[in-house]
Amino acid sequence: MASLIDTLIDVLNSQNTEYEKMIDISKEKTEAIVSNDTAKLQDILVREQAHIDVLDKLEKQRQNNVNDICKVLNLSPEGIKVNDIIGILRKRPKEHDALSQVHMKLKKTVDTLIKINENNKVLLKESMDMIEFEMNLAKSLISGPQTNNYDHGLYNQTGASITGRFDAKQ
């Protein structure tokens, strides 16, 4: 059992290390978004995907390890979380404290990453809104003003000035 807990601790530490790398990448992504550097953003997304692949493998290892721990403890692996295992280990202070510490560290790292990614999401939306605004502005400049449909000949045809008249029924 102790070796399974040690393995779980190792996997959680590895996950934390990868998430810390993702934080650095997400901060780079923020800079690329702000500076509107699409080439750098493309490179960052490729590197990010490589870390996501590593995290997927680590997650599978973690799930397999938790399943093994559940077998030893004669528990159903359905819906069990690391917090549940921490609670079971209360009578084993060394393993309890080590697992609890790495779990809290991982949770803090993931929370930080979520905040940075939420900020990046807002920045991307604002950037897309600005691009859309600029495209609409460019289209309107190309097509010319739509209200310029009055003709100087209209004045000459009526023989009188139209200024000062307002039709309230429109």
N, C-alpha and C. Protein backbone atom coordinates (compact mmCIF):
# COMPACT_ATOMS: atom_id res chain seq x y z
N MET A 1 0.83 -1.19 0.00
CA MET A 1 0.00 0.00 0.00
C MET A 1 0.87 1.26 0.00
N ALA A 2 1.94 1.24 0.79
CA ALA A 2 2.80 2.42 0.88
C ALA A 2 3.42 2.74 -0.47
N SER A 3 3.78 1.70 -1.22
CA SER A 3 4.40 1.97 -2.53
C SER A 3 3.37 2.57 -3.50
N LEU A 4 2.11 2.16 -3.38
CA LEU A 4 1.07 2.74 -4.22
C LEU A 4 0.85 4.22 -3.90
N ILE A 5 0.90 4.55 -2.62
CA ILE A 5 0.76 5.95 -2.21
C ILE A 5 1.96 6.75 -2.69
N ASP A 6 3.16 6.17 -2.56
CA ASP A 6 4.36 6.87 -3.05
C ASP A 6 4.27 7.10 -4.56
N THR A 7 3.76 6.12 -5.28
CA THR A 7 3.60 6.26 -6.72
C THR A 7 2.60 7.36 -7.04
N LEU A 8 1.50 7.40 -6.29
CA LEU A 8 0.50 8.45 -6.49
C LEU A 8 1.11 9.83 -6.22
N ILE A 9 1.89 9.93 -5.18
CA ILE A 9 2.56 11.20 -4.85
C ILE A 9 3.50 11.60 -5.99
N ASP A 10 4.24 10.65 -6.52
CA ASP A 10 5.15 10.94 -7.63
C ASP A 10 4.39 11.42 -8.87
N VAL A 11 3.29 10.75 -9.17
CA VAL A 11 2.49 11.14 -10.34
C VAL A 11 1.92 12.54 -10.14
N LEU A 12 1.41 12.83 -8.95
CA LEU A 12 0.86 14.17 -8.68
C LEU A 12 1.95 15.23 -8.75
N ASN A 13 3.15 14.91 -8.28
CA ASN A 13 4.27 15.85 -8.40
C ASN A 13 4.61 16.09 -9.87
N SER A 14 4.60 15.05 -10.67
CA SER A 14 4.87 15.19 -12.10
C SER A 14 3.80 16.03 -12.77
N GLN A 15 2.54 15.80 -12.40
CA GLN A 15 1.46 16.62 -12.95
C GLN A 15 1.66 18.08 -12.56
N ASN A 16 2.03 18.32 -11.32
CA ASN A 16 2.24 19.70 -10.86
C ASN A 16 3.36 20.36 -11.67
N THR A 17 4.42 19.64 -11.92
CA THR A 17 5.54 20.17 -12.71
C THR A 17 5.07 20.55 -14.11
N GLU A 18 4.27 19.69 -14.74
CA GLU A 18 3.77 19.98 -16.08
C GLU A 18 2.82 21.17 -16.07
N TYR A 19 1.97 21.26 -15.06
CA TYR A 19 1.07 22.41 -14.97
C TYR A 19 1.84 23.71 -14.73
N GLU A 20 2.93 23.65 -13.99
CA GLU A 20 3.76 24.83 -13.80
C GLU A 20 4.37 25.28 -15.13
N LYS A 21 4.77 24.31 -15.96
CA LYS A 21 5.26 24.63 -17.30
C LYS A 21 4.15 25.26 -18.14
N MET A 22 2.94 24.76 -17.97
CA MET A 22 1.79 25.32 -18.69
C MET A 22 1.52 26.76 -18.25
N ILE A 23 1.76 27.07 -16.98
CA ILE A 23 1.61 28.44 -16.51
C ILE A 23 2.58 29.36 -17.25
N ASP A 24 3.83 28.93 -17.36
CA ASP A 24 4.82 29.73 -18.09
C ASP A 24 4.40 29.93 -19.54
N ILE A 25 3.91 28.87 -20.15
CA ILE A 25 3.46 28.95 -21.55
C ILE A 25 2.26 29.88 -21.66
N SER A 26 1.34 29.80 -20.72
CA SER A 26 0.16 30.66 -20.75
C SER A 26 0.53 32.13 -20.56
N LYS A 27 1.55 32.39 -19.77
CA LYS A 27 2.01 33.77 -19.62
C LYS A 27 2.63 34.27 -20.93
N GLU A 28 3.36 33.40 -21.61
CA GLU A 28 3.89 33.75 -22.93
C GLU A 28 2.75 34.02 -23.91
N LYS A 29 1.70 33.21 -23.79
CA LYS A 29 0.54 33.37 -24.65
C LYS A 29 -0.11 34.73 -24.41
N THR A 30 -0.17 35.16 -23.16
CA THR A 30 -0.72 36.47 -22.85
C THR A 30 0.07 37.56 -23.57
N GLU A 31 1.39 37.47 -23.49
CA GLU A 31 2.23 38.47 -24.16
C GLU A 31 2.01 38.45 -25.68
N ALA A 32 1.88 37.25 -26.26
CA ALA A 32 1.68 37.15 -27.70
C ALA A 32 0.32 37.73 -28.10
N ILE A 33 -0.68 37.51 -27.29
CA ILE A 33 -2.01 38.06 -27.59
C ILE A 33 -1.99 39.58 -27.52
N VAL A 34 -1.37 40.11 -26.47
CA VAL A 34 -1.32 41.56 -26.28
C VAL A 34 -0.53 42.22 -27.41
N SER A 35 0.56 41.59 -27.83
CA SER A 35 1.38 42.18 -28.89
C SER A 35 0.88 41.80 -30.28
N ASN A 36 -0.18 41.01 -30.34
CA ASN A 36 -0.79 40.59 -31.61
C ASN A 36 0.21 39.86 -32.51
N ASP A 37 1.02 39.01 -31.88
CA ASP A 37 2.05 38.24 -32.60
C ASP A 37 1.51 36.84 -32.89
N THR A 38 0.87 36.70 -34.05
CA THR A 38 0.23 35.42 -34.38
C THR A 38 1.23 34.31 -34.63
N ALA A 39 2.40 34.63 -35.16
CA ALA A 39 3.42 33.60 -35.39
C ALA A 39 3.89 33.02 -34.06
N LYS A 40 4.13 33.88 -33.09
CA LYS A 40 4.54 33.43 -31.76
C LYS A 40 3.41 32.62 -31.11
N LEU A 41 2.19 33.06 -31.31
CA LEU A 41 1.04 32.36 -30.75
C LEU A 41 0.93 30.95 -31.33
N GLN A 42 1.18 30.81 -32.61
CA GLN A 42 1.16 29.48 -33.26
C GLN A 42 2.20 28.57 -32.62
N ASP A 43 3.41 29.09 -32.42
CA ASP A 43 4.48 28.31 -31.80
C ASP A 43 4.10 27.90 -30.38
N ILE A 44 3.52 28.82 -29.66
CA ILE A 44 3.11 28.54 -28.28
C ILE A 44 2.06 27.45 -28.24
N LEU A 45 1.12 27.49 -29.16
CA LEU A 45 0.06 26.48 -29.19
C LEU A 45 0.62 25.08 -29.47
N VAL A 46 1.64 24.99 -30.31
CA VAL A 46 2.28 23.70 -30.59
C VAL A 46 2.97 23.17 -29.33
N ARG A 47 3.70 24.05 -28.65
CA ARG A 47 4.36 23.63 -27.40
C ARG A 47 3.35 23.26 -26.33
N GLU A 48 2.27 24.01 -26.28
CA GLU A 48 1.23 23.75 -25.29
C GLU A 48 0.61 22.37 -25.52
N GLN A 49 0.39 22.03 -26.77
CA GLN A 49 -0.21 20.73 -27.09
C GLN A 49 0.71 19.58 -26.64
N ALA A 50 2.02 19.77 -26.77
CA ALA A 50 2.96 18.73 -26.32
C ALA A 50 2.82 18.51 -24.81
N HIS A 51 2.66 19.58 -24.06
CA HIS A 51 2.49 19.45 -22.60
C HIS A 51 1.13 18.83 -22.26
N ILE A 52 0.13 19.15 -23.04
CA ILE A 52 -1.19 18.55 -22.82
C ILE A 52 -1.13 17.04 -23.03
N ASP A 53 -0.37 16.61 -24.03
CA ASP A 53 -0.21 15.17 -24.27
C ASP A 53 0.47 14.49 -23.08
N VAL A 54 1.49 15.13 -22.53
CA VAL A 54 2.17 14.58 -21.34
C VAL A 54 1.19 14.53 -20.17
N LEU A 55 0.41 15.59 -20.00
CA LEU A 55 -0.57 15.61 -18.91
C LEU A 55 -1.63 14.52 -19.06
N ASP A 56 -2.03 14.24 -20.30
CA ASP A 56 -2.99 13.15 -20.53
C ASP A 56 -2.42 11.81 -20.07
N LYS A 57 -1.16 11.56 -20.39
CA LYS A 57 -0.51 10.31 -19.97
C LYS A 57 -0.40 10.23 -18.46
N LEU A 58 -0.03 11.34 -17.84
CA LEU A 58 0.06 11.36 -16.38
C LEU A 58 -1.30 11.15 -15.73
N GLU A 59 -2.33 11.69 -16.32
CA GLU A 59 -3.68 11.52 -15.77
C GLU A 59 -4.10 10.04 -15.84
N LYS A 60 -3.76 9.38 -16.93
CA LYS A 60 -4.06 7.94 -17.03
C LYS A 60 -3.29 7.15 -15.98
N GLN A 61 -2.03 7.53 -15.75
CA GLN A 61 -1.25 6.88 -14.69
C GLN A 61 -1.89 7.09 -13.33
N ARG A 62 -2.33 8.32 -13.09
CA ARG A 62 -2.98 8.64 -11.81
C ARG A 62 -4.24 7.82 -11.61
N GLN A 63 -5.05 7.73 -12.67
CA GLN A 63 -6.29 6.96 -12.58
C GLN A 63 -6.00 5.48 -12.33
N ASN A 64 -5.02 4.93 -13.02
CA ASN A 64 -4.65 3.53 -12.81
C ASN A 64 -4.16 3.31 -11.39
N ASN A 65 -3.37 4.26 -10.89
CA ASN A 65 -2.85 4.15 -9.53
C ASN A 65 -3.97 4.22 -8.50
N VAL A 66 -4.91 5.14 -8.70
CA VAL A 66 -6.06 5.25 -7.79
C VAL A 66 -6.89 3.96 -7.84
N ASN A 67 -7.07 3.40 -9.03
CA ASN A 67 -7.79 2.12 -9.14
C ASN A 67 -7.08 1.02 -8.36
N ASP A 68 -5.74 0.97 -8.43
CA ASP A 68 -4.98 -0.03 -7.68
C ASP A 68 -5.14 0.18 -6.17
N ILE A 69 -5.12 1.43 -5.74
CA ILE A 69 -5.31 1.73 -4.32
C ILE A 69 -6.71 1.29 -3.87
N CYS A 70 -7.70 1.52 -4.72
CA CYS A 70 -9.08 1.12 -4.40
C CYS A 70 -9.19 -0.40 -4.28
N LYS A 71 -8.49 -1.13 -5.13
CA LYS A 71 -8.50 -2.59 -5.04
C LYS A 71 -7.93 -3.06 -3.71
N VAL A 72 -6.81 -2.46 -3.29
CA VAL A 72 -6.18 -2.85 -2.03
C VAL A 72 -7.10 -2.51 -0.85
N LEU A 73 -7.77 -1.38 -0.93
CA LEU A 73 -8.66 -0.94 0.16
C LEU A 73 -10.07 -1.51 0.04
N ASN A 74 -10.30 -2.30 -1.01
CA ASN A 74 -11.60 -2.89 -1.27
C ASN A 74 -12.69 -1.81 -1.40
N LEU A 75 -12.37 -0.79 -2.20
CA LEU A 75 -13.31 0.30 -2.46
C LEU A 75 -13.67 0.32 -3.94
N SER A 76 -14.81 0.89 -4.23
CA SER A 76 -15.20 1.08 -5.62
C SER A 76 -14.44 2.28 -6.18
N PRO A 77 -13.78 2.14 -7.32
CA PRO A 77 -13.03 3.27 -7.89
C PRO A 77 -13.92 4.35 -8.50
N GLU A 78 -15.20 4.07 -8.63
CA GLU A 78 -16.13 5.05 -9.21
C GLU A 78 -16.27 6.27 -8.31
N GLY A 79 -15.91 7.41 -8.84
CA GLY A 79 -16.10 8.68 -8.13
C GLY A 79 -15.14 8.94 -6.99
N ILE A 80 -14.17 8.08 -6.79
CA ILE A 80 -13.23 8.33 -5.69
C ILE A 80 -12.23 9.40 -6.11
N LYS A 81 -11.88 10.24 -5.17
CA LYS A 81 -10.98 11.35 -5.44
C LYS A 81 -9.78 11.26 -4.52
N VAL A 82 -8.77 12.05 -4.83
CA VAL A 82 -7.57 12.06 -4.00
C VAL A 82 -7.92 12.49 -2.57
N ASN A 83 -8.85 13.41 -2.42
CA ASN A 83 -9.28 13.83 -1.08
C ASN A 83 -9.82 12.65 -0.27
N ASP A 84 -10.51 11.73 -0.95
CA ASP A 84 -11.04 10.55 -0.26
C ASP A 84 -9.89 9.67 0.25
N ILE A 85 -8.87 9.51 -0.57
CA ILE A 85 -7.71 8.71 -0.17
C ILE A 85 -6.97 9.38 0.98
N ILE A 86 -6.88 10.71 0.92
CA ILE A 86 -6.24 11.46 2.01
C ILE A 86 -7.00 11.21 3.31
N GLY A 87 -8.31 11.22 3.24
CA GLY A 87 -9.12 10.97 4.43
C GLY A 87 -8.90 9.57 4.99
N ILE A 88 -8.76 8.60 4.11
CA ILE A 88 -8.52 7.22 4.54
C ILE A 88 -7.17 7.08 5.23
N LEU A 89 -6.21 7.89 4.82
CA LEU A 89 -4.84 7.80 5.35
C LEU A 89 -4.62 8.58 6.63
N ARG A 90 -5.67 9.02 7.30
CA ARG A 90 -5.50 9.80 8.53
C ARG A 90 -4.71 9.05 9.59
N LYS A 91 -4.82 7.74 9.60
CA LYS A 91 -4.12 6.95 10.61
C LYS A 91 -2.65 6.72 10.24
N ARG A 92 -2.27 7.16 9.05
CA ARG A 92 -0.87 7.05 8.60
C ARG A 92 -0.36 8.47 8.33
N PRO A 93 0.10 9.15 9.36
CA PRO A 93 0.42 10.58 9.24
C PRO A 93 1.47 10.90 8.18
N LYS A 94 2.49 10.07 8.03
CA LYS A 94 3.55 10.36 7.06
C LYS A 94 2.97 10.38 5.64
N GLU A 95 2.25 9.34 5.28
CA GLU A 95 1.67 9.26 3.94
C GLU A 95 0.55 10.29 3.76
N HIS A 96 -0.25 10.46 4.81
CA HIS A 96 -1.34 11.43 4.78
C HIS A 96 -0.81 12.83 4.50
N ASP A 97 0.21 13.23 5.26
CA ASP A 97 0.75 14.58 5.12
C ASP A 97 1.41 14.79 3.75
N ALA A 98 2.15 13.79 3.30
CA ALA A 98 2.84 13.91 2.00
C ALA A 98 1.83 14.02 0.86
N LEU A 99 0.81 13.16 0.89
CA LEU A 99 -0.21 13.19 -0.16
C LEU A 99 -1.03 14.48 -0.08
N SER A 100 -1.37 14.89 1.10
CA SER A 100 -2.13 16.11 1.29
C SER A 100 -1.35 17.33 0.78
N GLN A 101 -0.07 17.36 1.08
CA GLN A 101 0.77 18.49 0.67
C GLN A 101 0.86 18.58 -0.85
N VAL A 102 1.14 17.46 -1.52
CA VAL A 102 1.26 17.50 -2.98
C VAL A 102 -0.08 17.79 -3.64
N HIS A 103 -1.16 17.31 -3.04
CA HIS A 103 -2.49 17.56 -3.58
C HIS A 103 -2.82 19.06 -3.51
N MET A 104 -2.53 19.69 -2.37
CA MET A 104 -2.79 21.12 -2.22
C MET A 104 -1.92 21.95 -3.17
N LYS A 105 -0.68 21.53 -3.34
CA LYS A 105 0.23 22.24 -4.24
C LYS A 105 -0.29 22.14 -5.68
N LEU A 106 -0.74 20.97 -6.07
CA LEU A 106 -1.29 20.77 -7.41
C LEU A 106 -2.56 21.59 -7.61
N LYS A 107 -3.41 21.60 -6.62
CA LYS A 107 -4.65 22.37 -6.71
C LYS A 107 -4.35 23.86 -6.87
N LYS A 108 -3.39 24.38 -6.13
CA LYS A 108 -3.02 25.79 -6.22
C LYS A 108 -2.46 26.11 -7.60
N THR A 109 -1.64 25.22 -8.13
CA THR A 109 -1.05 25.42 -9.46
C THR A 109 -2.13 25.44 -10.53
N VAL A 110 -3.06 24.50 -10.45
CA VAL A 110 -4.14 24.43 -11.44
C VAL A 110 -5.04 25.67 -11.34
N ASP A 111 -5.32 26.12 -10.13
CA ASP A 111 -6.13 27.34 -9.96
C ASP A 111 -5.44 28.56 -10.60
N THR A 112 -4.13 28.65 -10.44
CA THR A 112 -3.38 29.74 -11.06
C THR A 112 -3.47 29.66 -12.57
N LEU A 113 -3.32 28.47 -13.11
CA LEU A 113 -3.40 28.27 -14.56
C LEU A 113 -4.79 28.63 -15.08
N ILE A 114 -5.81 28.27 -14.35
CA ILE A 114 -7.19 28.59 -14.76
C ILE A 114 -7.36 30.11 -14.82
N LYS A 115 -6.86 30.83 -13.84
CA LYS A 115 -7.00 32.29 -13.83
C LYS A 115 -6.28 32.92 -15.03
N ILE A 116 -5.09 32.44 -15.32
CA ILE A 116 -4.34 32.99 -16.46
C ILE A 116 -5.08 32.69 -17.76
N ASN A 117 -5.59 31.47 -17.89
CA ASN A 117 -6.31 31.10 -19.11
C ASN A 117 -7.62 31.87 -19.27
N GLU A 118 -8.29 32.16 -18.17
CA GLU A 118 -9.50 32.99 -18.24
C GLU A 118 -9.16 34.39 -18.72
N ASN A 119 -8.05 34.93 -18.22
CA ASN A 119 -7.59 36.24 -18.67
C ASN A 119 -7.26 36.20 -20.16
N ASN A 120 -6.59 35.14 -20.61
CA ASN A 120 -6.26 35.01 -22.03
C ASN A 120 -7.53 34.92 -22.88
N LYS A 121 -8.53 34.25 -22.37
CA LYS A 121 -9.80 34.13 -23.08
C LYS A 121 -10.43 35.51 -23.28
N VAL A 122 -10.41 36.32 -22.23
CA VAL A 122 -10.97 37.68 -22.32
C VAL A 122 -10.16 38.51 -23.31
N LEU A 123 -8.84 38.41 -23.25
CA LEU A 123 -7.99 39.16 -24.16
C LEU A 123 -8.24 38.76 -25.62
N LEU A 124 -8.39 37.46 -25.85
CA LEU A 124 -8.66 36.98 -27.22
C LEU A 124 -10.00 37.50 -27.72
N LYS A 125 -11.00 37.49 -26.86
CA LYS A 125 -12.31 37.99 -27.26
C LYS A 125 -12.23 39.47 -27.60
N GLU A 126 -11.55 40.24 -26.77
CA GLU A 126 -11.39 41.67 -27.05
C GLU A 126 -10.63 41.89 -28.35
N SER A 127 -9.62 41.06 -28.58
CA SER A 127 -8.85 41.17 -29.82
C SER A 127 -9.71 40.86 -31.03
N MET A 128 -10.53 39.83 -30.92
CA MET A 128 -11.43 39.46 -32.02
C MET A 128 -12.47 40.56 -32.25
N ASP A 129 -12.98 41.15 -31.17
CA ASP A 129 -13.94 42.25 -31.31
C ASP A 129 -13.30 43.45 -32.00
N MET A 130 -12.05 43.72 -31.66
CA MET A 130 -11.35 44.84 -32.28
C MET A 130 -11.11 44.57 -33.77
N ILE A 131 -10.75 43.35 -34.10
CA ILE A 131 -10.54 42.99 -35.51
C ILE A 131 -11.85 43.14 -36.28
N GLU A 132 -12.94 42.68 -35.69
CA GLU A 132 -14.25 42.80 -36.34
C GLU A 132 -14.62 44.27 -36.54
N PHE A 133 -14.37 45.07 -35.52
CA PHE A 133 -14.66 46.51 -35.63
C PHE A 133 -13.84 47.14 -36.76
N GLU A 134 -12.55 46.81 -36.81
CA GLU A 134 -11.68 47.37 -37.85
C GLU A 134 -12.10 46.92 -39.24
N MET A 135 -12.54 45.67 -39.36
CA MET A 135 -13.01 45.18 -40.66
C MET A 135 -14.29 45.90 -41.08
N ASN A 136 -15.20 46.09 -40.15
CA ASN A 136 -16.44 46.82 -40.47
C ASN A 136 -16.14 48.27 -40.85
N LEU A 137 -15.20 48.87 -40.16
CA LEU A 137 -14.81 50.24 -40.47
C LEU A 137 -14.21 50.32 -41.88
N ALA A 138 -13.36 49.37 -42.19
CA ALA A 138 -12.74 49.35 -43.53
C ALA A 138 -13.79 49.14 -44.61
N LYS A 139 -14.75 48.25 -44.36
CA LYS A 139 -15.82 48.03 -45.34
C LYS A 139 -16.64 49.30 -45.56
N SER A 140 -16.93 49.99 -44.48
CA SER A 140 -17.76 51.20 -44.61
C SER A 140 -16.99 52.30 -45.33
N LEU A 141 -15.69 52.37 -45.15
CA LEU A 141 -14.90 53.38 -45.85
C LEU A 141 -14.82 53.08 -47.34
N ILE A 142 -14.77 51.81 -47.68
CA ILE A 142 -14.69 51.41 -49.09
C ILE A 142 -16.01 51.68 -49.80
N SER A 143 -17.11 51.35 -49.16
CA SER A 143 -18.41 51.50 -49.81
C SER A 143 -18.91 52.94 -49.79
N GLY A 144 -18.32 53.77 -48.97
CA GLY A 144 -18.73 55.17 -48.90
C GLY A 144 -19.92 55.34 -47.98
N PRO A 145 -20.20 56.56 -47.63
CA PRO A 145 -21.32 56.81 -46.72
C PRO A 145 -22.66 56.47 -47.37
N GLN A 146 -23.51 55.83 -46.65
CA GLN A 146 -24.82 55.41 -47.16
C GLN A 146 -25.86 56.53 -47.11
N THR A 147 -25.59 57.56 -46.35
CA THR A 147 -26.57 58.65 -46.23
C THR A 147 -26.37 59.71 -47.30
N ASN A 148 -25.40 59.55 -48.12
CA ASN A 148 -25.10 60.55 -49.14
C ASN A 148 -25.91 60.26 -50.41
N ASN A 149 -27.24 60.21 -50.29
CA ASN A 149 -28.08 59.94 -51.45
C ASN A 149 -28.89 61.16 -51.90
N TYR A 150 -28.56 62.32 -51.37
CA TYR A 150 -29.23 63.55 -51.79
C TYR A 150 -28.50 64.13 -53.00
N ASP A 151 -29.25 64.74 -53.84
CA ASP A 151 -28.70 65.26 -55.08
C ASP A 151 -28.92 66.77 -55.13
N HIS A 152 -27.92 67.48 -55.61
CA HIS A 152 -28.06 68.92 -55.75
C HIS A 152 -29.17 69.26 -56.74
N GLY A 153 -29.42 68.38 -57.67
CA GLY A 153 -30.47 68.59 -58.66
C GLY A 153 -31.85 68.61 -58.04
N LEU A 154 -32.02 68.05 -56.89
CA LEU A 154 -33.32 68.06 -56.21
C LEU A 154 -33.73 69.50 -55.90
N TYR A 155 -32.80 70.30 -55.51
CA TYR A 155 -33.09 71.71 -55.22
C TYR A 155 -33.53 72.43 -56.49
N ASN A 156 -32.84 72.15 -57.57
CA ASN A 156 -33.16 72.82 -58.83
C ASN A 156 -34.50 72.36 -59.39
N GLN A 157 -34.89 71.11 -59.14
CA GLN A 157 -36.14 70.60 -59.69
C GLN A 157 -37.36 71.22 -59.02
N THR A 158 -37.26 71.42 -57.71
CA THR A 158 -38.41 71.96 -56.99
C THR A 158 -38.50 73.47 -57.12
N GLY A 159 -37.37 74.09 -57.35
CA GLY A 159 -37.37 75.54 -57.51
C GLY A 159 -37.45 76.26 -56.19
N ALA A 160 -37.39 75.55 -55.11
CA ALA A 160 -37.44 76.19 -53.79
C ALA A 160 -36.48 75.44 -52.88
N SER A 161 -36.16 76.07 -51.84
CA SER A 161 -35.27 75.45 -50.87
C SER A 161 -36.07 74.52 -49.96
N ILE A 162 -35.49 73.41 -49.61
CA ILE A 162 -36.18 72.46 -48.75
C ILE A 162 -35.75 72.64 -47.30
N THR A 163 -34.84 73.51 -47.05
CA THR A 163 -34.36 73.67 -45.68
C THR A 163 -35.46 74.18 -44.79
N GLY A 164 -35.46 73.73 -43.57
CA GLY A 164 -36.45 74.17 -42.62
C GLY A 164 -37.70 73.33 -42.62
N ARG A 165 -37.82 72.35 -43.48
CA ARG A 165 -39.01 71.51 -43.51
C ARG A 165 -38.72 70.19 -42.81
N PHE A 166 -39.63 69.77 -41.98
CA PHE A 166 -39.48 68.53 -41.27
C PHE A 166 -40.81 67.78 -41.31
N ASP A 167 -40.79 66.58 -41.79
CA ASP A 167 -42.01 65.81 -41.88
C ASP A 167 -42.11 64.92 -40.64
N ALA A 168 -42.94 65.29 -39.70
CA ALA A 168 -43.07 64.55 -38.44
C ALA A 168 -43.79 63.23 -38.62
N LYS A 169 -44.43 62.99 -39.73
CA LYS A 169 -45.18 61.75 -39.95
C LYS A 169 -44.26 60.58 -40.30
N GLN A 170 -43.06 60.83 -40.67
CA GLN A 170 -42.13 59.75 -41.03
C GLN A 170 -41.76 59.02 -39.85
